[in-house]
Amino acid sequence: EILDHLRLEKGNIAIVIGGRNVGRVGRIVEVKQVFKRASSIVSLVDKDENVFHTSLNYIFVIGRDKPAISLPEGAWK
């Protein structure tokens, strides 16, 4: 049973599932979509207010105001 649908949009919380930022959690600040999905870039801000960027292919949305899944202690506010 599907309980909710989390969209890839500004303000939602996401975890990075690949690349050099793998495992980082952050709030989506901006999504720069280009014609080729692999070239699209997502900007996020982590719990320490550090901004980082990663490919759209490496983003998995996990919540709106707070993560809908359990995370290791210290991964998010």
C-alpha atoms as a PDB file:
ATOM      1  CA  GLU A   1       0.000   0.000   0.000  1.00  0.00           C
ATOM      2  CA  ILE A   2       1.392   3.390  -1.008  1.00  0.00           C
ATOM      3  CA  LEU A   3       1.047   5.859   1.852  1.00  0.00           C
ATOM      4  CA  ASP A   4       2.595   8.992   0.353  1.00  0.00           C
ATOM      5  CA  HIS A   5       4.304  10.405  -2.732  1.00  0.00           C
ATOM      6  CA  LEU A   6       7.426  12.529  -2.214  1.00  0.00           C
ATOM      7  CA  ARG A   7       8.264  14.776  -5.135  1.00  0.00           C
ATOM      8  CA  LEU A   8      11.643  16.050  -6.246  1.00  0.00           C
ATOM      9  CA  GLU A   9      11.020  19.693  -5.395  1.00  0.00           C
ATOM     10  CA  LYS A  10      12.542  22.603  -3.511  1.00  0.00           C
ATOM     11  CA  GLY A  11      12.270  22.257   0.270  1.00  0.00           C
ATOM     12  CA  ASN A  12      12.054  18.466   0.415  1.00  0.00           C
ATOM     13  CA  ILE A  13      14.715  16.344   2.110  1.00  0.00           C
ATOM     14  CA  ALA A  14      16.830  13.965   0.043  1.00  0.00           C
ATOM     15  CA  ILE A  15      19.690  11.522   0.480  1.00  0.00           C
ATOM     16  CA  VAL A  16      22.502  11.134  -2.037  1.00  0.00           C
ATOM     17  CA  ILE A  17      22.763   7.525  -3.252  1.00  0.00           C
ATOM     18  CA  GLY A  18      25.833   7.761  -5.487  1.00  0.00           C
ATOM     19  CA  GLY A  19      28.885   9.796  -6.422  1.00  0.00           C
ATOM     20  CA  ARG A  20      31.339  11.494  -4.101  1.00  0.00           C
ATOM     21  CA  ASN A  21      28.580  12.832  -1.801  1.00  0.00           C
ATOM     22  CA  VAL A  22      27.013   9.413  -1.235  1.00  0.00           C
ATOM     23  CA  GLY A  23      25.266   9.168   2.131  1.00  0.00           C
ATOM     24  CA  ARG A  24      24.847  12.918   2.630  1.00  0.00           C
ATOM     25  CA  VAL A  25      21.393  14.188   3.559  1.00  0.00           C
ATOM     26  CA  GLY A  26      20.135  17.655   2.732  1.00  0.00           C
ATOM     27  CA  ARG A  27      17.210  19.916   1.945  1.00  0.00           C
ATOM     28  CA  ILE A  28      16.756  20.593  -1.778  1.00  0.00           C
ATOM     29  CA  VAL A  29      17.538  24.220  -2.602  1.00  0.00           C
ATOM     30  CA  GLU A  30      17.439  24.124  -6.399  1.00  0.00           C
ATOM     31  CA  VAL A  31      17.009  21.687  -9.282  1.00  0.00           C
ATOM     32  CA  LYS A  32      18.693  22.743 -12.538  1.00  0.00           C
ATOM     33  CA  GLN A  33      17.136  20.478 -15.132  1.00  0.00           C
ATOM     34  CA  VAL A  34      18.583  20.300 -18.597  1.00  0.00           C
ATOM     35  CA  PHE A  35      17.535  18.274 -21.607  1.00  0.00           C
ATOM     36  CA  LYS A  36      19.614  15.245 -20.625  1.00  0.00           C
ATOM     37  CA  ARG A  37      18.704  13.977 -17.134  1.00  0.00           C
ATOM     38  CA  ALA A  38      22.314  12.907 -16.496  1.00  0.00           C
ATOM     39  CA  SER A  39      23.422  16.541 -16.835  1.00  0.00           C
ATOM     40  CA  SER A  40      20.833  17.919 -14.376  1.00  0.00           C
ATOM     41  CA  ILE A  41      22.239  19.225 -11.079  1.00  0.00           C
ATOM     42  CA  VAL A  42      20.564  19.398  -7.663  1.00  0.00           C
ATOM     43  CA  SER A  43      21.761  21.833  -4.979  1.00  0.00           C
ATOM     44  CA  LEU A  44      21.194  20.827  -1.355  1.00  0.00           C
ATOM     45  CA  VAL A  45      21.980  22.272   2.067  1.00  0.00           C
ATOM     46  CA  ASP A  46      22.953  19.883   4.875  1.00  0.00           C
ATOM     47  CA  LYS A  47      22.305  20.035   8.640  1.00  0.00           C
ATOM     48  CA  ASP A  48      25.359  22.278   9.116  1.00  0.00           C
ATOM     49  CA  GLU A  49      24.118  24.736   6.431  1.00  0.00           C
ATOM     50  CA  ASN A  50      26.803  23.616   3.945  1.00  0.00           C
ATOM     51  CA  VAL A  51      25.659  23.773   0.320  1.00  0.00           C
ATOM     52  CA  PHE A  52      26.631  20.896  -1.969  1.00  0.00           C
ATOM     53  CA  HIS A  53      25.709  19.827  -5.494  1.00  0.00           C
ATOM     54  CA  THR A  54      25.173  16.442  -7.106  1.00  0.00           C
ATOM     55  CA  SER A  55      23.675  14.830 -10.186  1.00  0.00           C
ATOM     56  CA  LEU A  56      19.909  14.398 -10.330  1.00  0.00           C
ATOM     57  CA  ASN A  57      20.562  10.681 -10.915  1.00  0.00           C
ATOM     58  CA  TYR A  58      22.004  10.391  -7.387  1.00  0.00           C
ATOM     59  CA  ILE A  59      19.049  11.931  -5.497  1.00  0.00           C
ATOM     60  CA  PHE A  60      16.419   9.986  -3.545  1.00  0.00           C
ATOM     61  CA  VAL A  61      13.749  12.096  -1.808  1.00  0.00           C
ATOM     62  CA  ILE A  62      13.080  10.889   1.756  1.00  0.00           C
ATOM     63  CA  GLY A  63      10.774  13.488   3.275  1.00  0.00           C
ATOM     64  CA  ARG A  64       9.161  16.909   3.411  1.00  0.00           C
ATOM     65  CA  ASP A  65       9.684  18.671   6.762  1.00  0.00           C
ATOM     66  CA  LYS A  66      11.489  15.689   8.287  1.00  0.00           C
ATOM     67  CA  PRO A  67      12.758  12.364   6.916  1.00  0.00           C
ATOM     68  CA  ALA A  68      10.046   9.719   6.464  1.00  0.00           C
ATOM     69  CA  ILE A  69      12.654   7.018   7.127  1.00  0.00           C
ATOM     70  CA  SER A  70      14.984   6.469  10.055  1.00  0.00           C
ATOM     71  CA  LEU A  71      18.522   7.780   9.588  1.00  0.00           C
ATOM     72  CA  PRO A  72      21.704   7.257  11.600  1.00  0.00           C
ATOM     73  CA  GLU A  73      21.999   9.659  14.519  1.00  0.00           C
ATOM     74  CA  GLY A  74      23.520  12.950  13.432  1.00  0.00           C
ATOM     75  CA  ALA A  75      22.651  12.553   9.744  1.00  0.00           C
ATOM     76  CA  TRP A  76      19.886  15.152   9.989  1.00  0.00           C
ATOM     77  CA  LYS A  77      18.676  17.779  12.461  1.00  0.00           C
END
